[in-house]
Amino acid sequence: MKEASPGVKQILYFDCFSGVSGDMILGAALDLGLDLQEMKDMLGCLNLPGWRLERERVNRGGITGTRAIVYVDETQPPERNLPVILALIEKADLPDVIRSQSAAVFRRLAEAEGAVHNIPAEKVHFHEVG
């Protein structure tokens, strides 16, 4: 990935007026210059078996971009709730700061989903990220 010039801060702002998905975020990172193999190596730190990542150029509504496609070997991906996701994050080969930030993001997502569905955060199933 391209380095910022010394003393220059880089900020990425997502204007997700109609939502955003994980494949869209990964595709945007690839469009910004992240190498596909570097992304695969980073995702490999999660120690999750049975997946592969590919990219393709797409044109939707006249806008061209990169679509990241994650293929999973399982026909029925496991349903993972917050405690399972937090355990996966804890076991991942990630720097401590990334591990704690990732756990905080999933806790917040679980709290929001739980509030919407009137269930405890620990019972929320992350079917779309699992």
Protein backbone atom coordinates (compact mmCIF):
# COMPACT_ATOMS: atom_id res chain seq x y z
CA MET A 1 0.00 0.00 0.00
CA LYS A 2 1.20 3.48 -0.73
CA GLU A 3 2.84 5.34 2.14
CA ALA A 4 1.79 8.85 3.09
CA SER A 5 4.35 11.59 2.65
CA PRO A 6 6.24 12.36 5.87
CA GLY A 7 4.17 14.63 8.08
CA VAL A 8 1.02 14.15 5.98
CA LYS A 9 -2.01 12.53 7.55
CA GLN A 10 -4.28 10.41 5.41
CA ILE A 11 -7.95 10.25 6.23
CA LEU A 12 -10.49 8.03 4.54
CA TYR A 13 -14.10 9.09 4.86
CA PHE A 14 -16.93 6.72 3.99
CA ASP A 15 -20.14 8.44 2.90
CA CYS A 16 -22.40 5.39 3.09
CA PHE A 17 -25.68 7.11 2.33
CA SER A 18 -27.23 3.83 1.19
CA GLY A 19 -25.23 1.37 3.27
CA VAL A 20 -21.99 -0.53 2.80
CA SER A 21 -21.00 -4.18 2.90
CA GLY A 22 -17.76 -5.94 3.70
CA ASP A 23 -17.06 -6.80 0.07
CA MET A 24 -17.54 -3.14 -0.83
CA ILE A 25 -15.08 -2.03 1.86
CA LEU A 26 -12.51 -4.63 0.76
CA GLY A 27 -12.98 -3.61 -2.88
CA ALA A 28 -12.49 0.06 -1.99
CA ALA A 29 -9.26 -0.81 -0.16
CA LEU A 30 -8.03 -2.61 -3.28
CA ASP A 31 -8.98 0.39 -5.44
CA LEU A 32 -7.00 2.63 -3.08
CA GLY A 33 -3.86 0.60 -3.70
CA LEU A 34 -3.84 -2.27 -1.22
CA ASP A 35 -2.31 -5.29 -2.95
CA LEU A 36 -4.59 -8.35 -3.18
CA GLN A 37 -1.91 -10.67 -1.79
CA GLU A 38 -1.25 -8.26 1.08
CA MET A 39 -4.98 -8.29 1.88
CA LYS A 40 -5.02 -12.10 1.79
CA ASP A 41 -2.01 -12.20 4.12
CA MET A 42 -3.71 -9.82 6.56
CA LEU A 43 -6.94 -11.82 6.51
CA GLY A 44 -4.87 -14.97 7.03
CA CYS A 45 -3.96 -13.59 10.47
CA LEU A 46 -7.52 -14.43 11.52
CA ASN A 47 -6.63 -18.15 11.41
CA LEU A 48 -9.93 -19.10 9.78
CA PRO A 49 -9.73 -22.12 7.46
CA GLY A 50 -11.57 -22.74 4.22
CA TRP A 51 -11.79 -19.42 2.39
CA ARG A 52 -10.31 -17.68 -0.62
CA LEU A 53 -10.44 -14.10 -1.83
CA GLU A 54 -10.71 -12.90 -5.42
CA ARG A 55 -11.37 -9.57 -7.09
CA GLU A 56 -13.21 -8.44 -10.19
CA ARG A 57 -13.89 -5.12 -11.89
CA VAL A 58 -17.58 -4.28 -11.98
CA ASN A 59 -19.72 -1.51 -13.40
CA ARG A 60 -22.92 -0.76 -11.51
CA GLY A 61 -25.11 2.14 -12.51
CA GLY A 62 -22.31 3.67 -14.54
CA ILE A 63 -19.82 3.52 -11.66
CA THR A 64 -16.81 1.24 -12.02
CA GLY A 65 -15.04 -0.26 -9.05
CA THR A 66 -13.52 -3.39 -7.59
CA ARG A 67 -15.65 -6.09 -6.06
CA ALA A 68 -13.92 -8.33 -3.54
CA ILE A 69 -15.39 -11.82 -3.46
CA VAL A 70 -14.88 -14.07 -0.44
CA TYR A 71 -15.54 -17.73 -1.18
CA VAL A 72 -16.14 -20.04 1.78
CA ASP A 73 -15.70 -23.81 1.49
CA GLU A 74 -18.61 -24.57 3.81
CA THR A 75 -22.04 -25.01 2.25
CA GLN A 76 -23.66 -23.75 5.45
CA PRO A 77 -21.44 -21.18 7.21
CA PRO A 78 -21.59 -21.44 11.00
CA GLU A 79 -23.81 -19.05 12.90
CA ARG A 80 -21.56 -17.09 15.19
CA ASN A 81 -22.75 -15.01 18.11
CA LEU A 82 -20.80 -12.34 19.98
CA PRO A 83 -18.93 -14.67 22.37
CA VAL A 84 -17.78 -16.84 19.44
CA ILE A 85 -16.66 -13.80 17.41
CA LEU A 86 -14.78 -12.39 20.42
CA ALA A 87 -13.02 -15.75 20.93
CA LEU A 88 -11.97 -15.78 17.24
CA ILE A 89 -10.60 -12.26 17.59
CA GLU A 90 -8.71 -13.23 20.75
CA LYS A 91 -7.05 -16.20 18.95
CA ALA A 92 -6.16 -14.19 15.83
CA ASP A 93 -2.55 -13.24 15.11
CA LEU A 94 -3.28 -9.53 15.37
CA PRO A 95 -1.54 -6.66 17.15
CA ASP A 96 -3.14 -5.95 20.53
CA VAL A 97 -4.52 -2.58 19.43
CA ILE A 98 -6.24 -4.14 16.39
CA ARG A 99 -7.58 -6.98 18.52
CA SER A 100 -9.12 -4.59 21.07
CA GLN A 101 -10.54 -2.27 18.39
CA SER A 102 -12.04 -5.22 16.51
CA ALA A 103 -13.65 -6.56 19.67
CA ALA A 104 -15.06 -3.10 20.43
CA VAL A 105 -16.58 -2.85 16.94
CA PHE A 106 -18.29 -6.23 17.26
CA ARG A 107 -19.56 -5.42 20.76
CA ARG A 108 -21.07 -2.20 19.43
CA LEU A 109 -22.64 -3.97 16.45
CA ALA A 110 -24.10 -6.62 18.76
CA GLU A 111 -25.52 -3.96 21.07
CA ALA A 112 -27.15 -2.13 18.15
CA GLU A 113 -28.56 -5.31 16.59
CA GLY A 114 -29.72 -6.51 19.99
CA ALA A 115 -31.53 -3.24 20.64
CA VAL A 116 -33.26 -3.40 17.24
CA HIS A 117 -34.36 -7.01 17.74
CA ASN A 118 -34.93 -6.74 21.51
CA ILE A 119 -32.45 -9.49 22.39
CA PRO A 120 -29.27 -9.49 24.48
CA ALA A 121 -26.10 -8.57 22.58
CA GLU A 122 -24.64 -12.02 23.35
CA LYS A 123 -27.51 -13.70 21.45
CA VAL A 124 -27.07 -11.72 18.22
CA HIS A 125 -26.01 -13.95 15.31
CA PHE A 126 -23.54 -12.40 12.91
CA HIS A 127 -24.80 -14.30 9.88
CA GLU A 128 -23.43 -11.75 7.41
CA VAL A 129 -19.91 -11.61 8.82
CA GLY A 130 -19.65 -15.09 10.31
